[in-house]
Amino acid sequence: MAESKDILTQMLEVAEQDKKMSEKQKKIVAAAIELFAERGFAATSTSEIAKRAGVAEGTIFRHYKTKKDLLTSITVPIMIDSVAPFLAQAFVAEVFEQEYPDFRTFLTALVRNRFEFARENSQVIKIYMQELLYHEEMREQFSKVFMVHVKGQFDRIIGFYKEGGEINEMPNSTIMRALITNIVGFLVTRFMIMPNAEWDDNAEIEQTVSCILNGIS
C-alpha cells in the first residue's frame, strides 16, 4: 500500500531527495523524533539526542541553532509541505476510492485504515499533536491539506449514503465532525493516553463504528 513506509522514513527520503540533509543530519532528526515522542520536547536534551544519533553534541549546533530549531526548521516544513499531502492522497486512494456495500462497511474500513496508520506512526503523530497546539502555521497547513485532498471526498461519500437513506439529513459538516471526533478520540486514547491498557482492538474498532452509527444513522 502507499502508506507502507512510516512517516519518519518518508520524511528522511524527501530530505535526501531535496539534498537538504547529510547522513549526520538524518541521524540527528531520527534520534530527535524518537526522543521527543518518548519523553516530550521539553524533557529531551541535545546531549541525549547526540548520544542516540551517535554524533558529538556540537554537530547538532553546527546544523541547528537551538533544539527548537531542530524541530521546526526541518521536521515541520518537510511534513507539511511534502509528506502530509502525500499521506492525504494515499488515504483517499486506500479508503475513499474503493467500493462498499453499505455505510457501515465504509466506516469500518475508514477506522481500520486510520488505526493501522496510527499504530505504525504513533511516535511522530504524538509530536505533531503536541506541536499543533503552539504553531498556528502547522494548524493552517494541515487544515489546507485536509480541505484540498480529503474534504471533497468526505462530502461525496456522505452525500451518496444520504441518498441511500443510511445517514440522516443533517449538514455534511456536522457528520464529518462526528466522524473525525470519534475516530481521533479513539486513536488518541488507544496509542497516546492508554497505550499499555488491555485492548481488544478488533472489538474496540467495531464498537467505535457502532457508536458513530447510533448517532448519525
Protein backbone atom coordinates (compact mmCIF):
# COMPACT_ATOMS: atom_id res chain seq x y z
CA MET A 1 0.00 0.00 0.00
CA ALA A 2 1.07 3.60 -0.48
CA GLU A 3 1.46 4.14 3.25
CA SER A 4 3.58 1.06 3.94
CA LYS A 5 6.55 3.24 4.93
CA ASP A 6 6.27 5.12 8.20
CA ILE A 7 6.24 8.91 8.33
CA LEU A 8 9.81 9.21 9.56
CA THR A 9 11.16 7.12 6.68
CA GLN A 10 9.23 9.22 4.17
CA MET A 11 10.42 12.47 5.76
CA LEU A 12 14.04 11.40 5.54
CA GLU A 13 13.58 10.23 1.96
CA VAL A 14 12.11 13.60 1.00
CA ALA A 15 15.02 15.38 2.65
CA GLU A 16 17.51 13.16 0.86
CA GLN A 17 15.85 13.75 -2.49
CA ASP A 18 15.97 17.50 -1.89
CA LYS A 19 19.65 17.23 -0.94
CA LYS A 20 18.95 19.13 2.28
CA MET A 21 20.32 16.63 4.77
CA SER A 22 23.66 14.97 5.30
CA GLU A 23 23.85 11.48 6.79
CA LYS A 24 24.59 13.01 10.20
CA GLN A 25 21.60 15.34 9.93
CA LYS A 26 19.30 12.42 9.12
CA LYS A 27 20.59 10.55 12.16
CA ILE A 28 20.06 13.64 14.32
CA VAL A 29 16.48 14.15 13.12
CA ALA A 30 15.65 10.44 13.54
CA ALA A 31 17.04 10.43 17.09
CA ALA A 32 15.24 13.68 17.95
CA ILE A 33 11.89 12.37 16.75
CA GLU A 34 12.27 9.17 18.76
CA LEU A 35 13.23 11.03 21.95
CA PHE A 36 10.65 13.81 21.56
CA ALA A 37 7.95 11.15 21.23
CA GLU A 38 9.26 9.10 24.16
CA ARG A 39 9.92 11.91 26.62
CA GLY A 40 8.41 15.07 25.19
CA PHE A 41 10.20 18.02 23.66
CA ALA A 42 10.94 19.87 26.92
CA ALA A 43 12.36 16.81 28.70
CA THR A 44 14.75 15.89 25.89
CA SER A 45 18.26 17.38 25.90
CA THR A 46 20.51 17.91 22.92
CA SER A 47 23.14 15.73 24.61
CA GLU A 48 20.67 12.84 24.67
CA ILE A 49 19.84 13.42 21.00
CA ALA A 50 23.55 13.45 20.13
CA LYS A 51 24.18 10.25 22.06
CA ARG A 52 21.36 8.37 20.35
CA ALA A 53 22.38 9.72 16.94
CA GLY A 54 25.98 8.73 17.51
CA VAL A 55 27.35 12.24 16.92
CA ALA A 56 29.03 14.92 19.01
CA GLU A 57 26.65 17.43 20.61
CA GLY A 58 28.48 20.21 18.79
CA THR A 59 27.44 18.65 15.50
CA ILE A 60 23.81 19.40 16.32
CA PHE A 61 24.56 23.08 16.87
CA ARG A 62 26.50 23.31 13.62
CA HIS A 63 23.27 22.48 11.82
CA TYR A 64 20.63 23.89 14.19
CA LYS A 65 20.90 26.98 16.40
CA THR A 66 18.62 25.58 19.11
CA LYS A 67 16.72 22.42 19.98
CA LYS A 68 13.52 24.15 18.86
CA ASP A 69 15.13 24.97 15.54
CA LEU A 70 15.89 21.28 15.10
CA LEU A 71 12.18 20.51 15.43
CA THR A 72 10.72 23.37 13.42
CA SER A 73 13.22 24.12 10.66
CA ILE A 74 13.45 20.59 9.28
CA THR A 75 10.74 18.31 10.64
CA VAL A 76 7.79 20.68 10.32
CA PRO A 77 8.41 22.01 6.78
CA ILE A 78 9.08 18.55 5.35
CA MET A 79 5.94 17.18 6.97
CA ILE A 80 3.52 19.92 5.95
CA ASP A 81 4.97 20.69 2.51
CA SER A 82 5.76 17.21 1.20
CA VAL A 83 4.74 14.28 3.37
CA ALA A 84 1.30 15.41 4.59
CA PRO A 85 -0.13 15.94 1.08
CA PHE A 86 1.27 12.57 0.00
CA LEU A 87 -0.27 10.85 3.04
CA ALA A 88 -3.61 12.54 2.36
CA GLN A 89 -3.58 11.35 -1.25
CA ALA A 90 -2.71 7.81 -0.14
CA PHE A 91 -5.51 7.91 2.46
CA VAL A 92 -8.04 8.94 -0.20
CA ALA A 93 -6.89 6.19 -2.57
CA GLU A 94 -6.99 3.49 0.09
CA VAL A 95 -10.36 4.40 1.63
CA PHE A 96 -12.48 6.76 -0.48
CA GLU A 97 -11.75 5.34 -3.93
CA GLN A 98 -12.97 1.86 -3.03
CA GLU A 99 -16.49 0.44 -3.33
CA TYR A 100 -18.54 -0.57 -0.28
CA PRO A 101 -21.91 -2.32 0.01
CA ASP A 102 -23.09 -0.03 2.81
CA PHE A 103 -22.08 2.85 5.06
CA ARG A 104 -21.06 0.61 7.95
CA THR A 105 -18.56 -1.22 5.74
CA PHE A 106 -17.10 2.09 4.57
CA LEU A 107 -16.89 3.37 8.14
CA THR A 108 -15.20 0.20 9.36
CA ALA A 109 -12.63 0.47 6.56
CA LEU A 110 -12.04 4.11 7.47
CA VAL A 111 -11.45 3.37 11.16
CA ARG A 112 -9.21 0.37 10.43
CA ASN A 113 -7.14 2.36 7.96
CA ARG A 114 -6.54 5.17 10.44
CA PHE A 115 -5.90 2.62 13.22
CA GLU A 116 -3.11 0.94 11.24
CA PHE A 117 -1.67 4.31 10.27
CA ALA A 118 -1.64 5.47 13.91
CA ARG A 119 -0.09 2.20 15.08
CA GLU A 120 2.74 2.47 12.55
CA ASN A 121 3.41 6.17 13.19
CA SER A 122 2.46 6.79 16.82
CA GLN A 123 5.78 8.44 17.73
CA VAL A 124 5.71 11.09 15.04
CA ILE A 125 1.95 11.67 15.39
CA LYS A 126 2.41 12.29 19.10
CA ILE A 127 4.98 15.00 18.40
CA TYR A 128 2.81 16.73 15.83
CA MET A 129 -0.28 16.65 18.02
CA GLN A 130 1.72 18.30 20.80
CA GLU A 131 3.17 20.94 18.49
CA LEU A 132 -0.13 21.74 16.77
CA LEU A 133 -1.21 23.48 19.97
CA TYR A 134 1.62 26.00 19.66
CA HIS A 135 2.19 26.52 15.94
CA GLU A 136 -0.53 28.34 14.01
CA GLU A 137 1.32 27.73 10.75
CA MET A 138 1.12 23.99 11.30
CA ARG A 139 -2.60 24.15 12.03
CA GLU A 140 -3.20 26.21 8.90
CA GLN A 141 -1.16 23.86 6.72
CA PHE A 142 -2.83 20.71 7.99
CA SER A 143 -6.23 22.35 7.51
CA LYS A 144 -5.26 23.26 3.96
CA VAL A 145 -4.18 19.69 3.21
CA PHE A 146 -7.49 18.38 4.57
CA MET A 147 -9.55 20.87 2.57
CA VAL A 148 -7.68 20.21 -0.68
CA HIS A 149 -7.33 16.43 -0.57
CA VAL A 150 -9.90 14.96 1.83
CA LYS A 151 -12.96 17.16 2.44
CA GLY A 152 -14.40 16.78 -1.05
CA GLN A 153 -14.15 13.00 -0.78
CA PHE A 154 -15.94 13.08 2.56
CA ASP A 155 -18.71 15.23 1.08
CA ARG A 156 -19.10 12.89 -1.88
CA ILE A 157 -19.41 9.70 0.13
CA ILE A 158 -21.65 11.26 2.80
CA GLY A 159 -23.95 12.51 0.03
CA PHE A 160 -24.05 9.06 -1.54
CA TYR A 161 -25.15 7.34 1.68
CA LYS A 162 -27.60 10.13 2.46
CA GLU A 163 -29.31 9.45 -0.86
CA GLY A 164 -29.46 5.76 0.07
CA GLY A 165 -31.16 6.59 3.37
CA GLU A 166 -28.33 5.28 5.55
CA ILE A 167 -27.47 8.67 7.07
CA ASN A 168 -29.89 11.23 8.44
CA GLU A 169 -30.39 14.55 6.67
CA MET A 170 -28.08 16.78 8.66
CA PRO A 171 -25.30 19.07 7.41
CA ASN A 172 -22.28 17.27 5.98
CA SER A 173 -20.06 19.36 8.23
CA THR A 174 -21.86 18.02 11.31
CA ILE A 175 -21.49 14.42 10.15
CA MET A 176 -17.83 14.98 9.29
CA ARG A 177 -17.10 16.44 12.72
CA ALA A 178 -18.82 13.49 14.41
CA LEU A 179 -16.74 11.03 12.40
CA ILE A 180 -13.44 12.82 12.98
CA THR A 181 -14.06 13.46 16.69
CA ASN A 182 -14.95 9.84 17.44
CA ILE A 183 -12.17 8.29 15.36
CA VAL A 184 -9.44 10.64 16.55
CA GLY A 185 -10.63 10.31 20.14
CA PHE A 186 -10.39 6.52 19.93
CA LEU A 187 -6.91 6.62 18.39
CA VAL A 188 -5.54 9.19 20.84
CA THR A 189 -6.79 7.12 23.77
CA ARG A 190 -5.50 3.87 22.27
CA PHE A 191 -2.00 4.98 21.30
CA MET A 192 -1.21 8.00 23.47
CA ILE A 193 -3.28 8.17 26.65
CA MET A 194 -3.64 4.46 27.46
CA PRO A 195 -1.24 2.57 25.16
CA ASN A 196 -0.45 -0.09 27.77
CA ALA A 197 -4.03 -0.91 28.73
CA GLU A 198 -5.52 -4.28 27.81
CA TRP A 199 -7.11 -3.59 24.43
CA ASP A 200 -9.17 -5.86 22.23
CA ASP A 201 -8.50 -3.80 19.15
CA ASN A 202 -10.94 -5.53 16.82
CA ALA A 203 -13.74 -5.21 19.36
CA GLU A 204 -12.90 -1.56 20.01
CA ILE A 205 -12.97 -0.76 16.31
CA GLU A 206 -16.36 -2.40 15.90
CA GLN A 207 -17.72 -0.63 18.99
CA THR A 208 -16.40 2.71 17.75
CA VAL A 209 -18.18 2.15 14.45
CA SER A 210 -21.41 1.20 16.27
CA CYS A 211 -21.15 4.27 18.48
CA ILE A 212 -20.84 6.55 15.46
CA LEU A 213 -23.66 4.85 13.58
CA ASN A 214 -26.05 5.08 16.51
CA GLY A 215 -25.50 8.81 16.49
CA ILE A 216 -25.97 9.54 12.78
CA SER A 217 -27.97 6.70 11.22
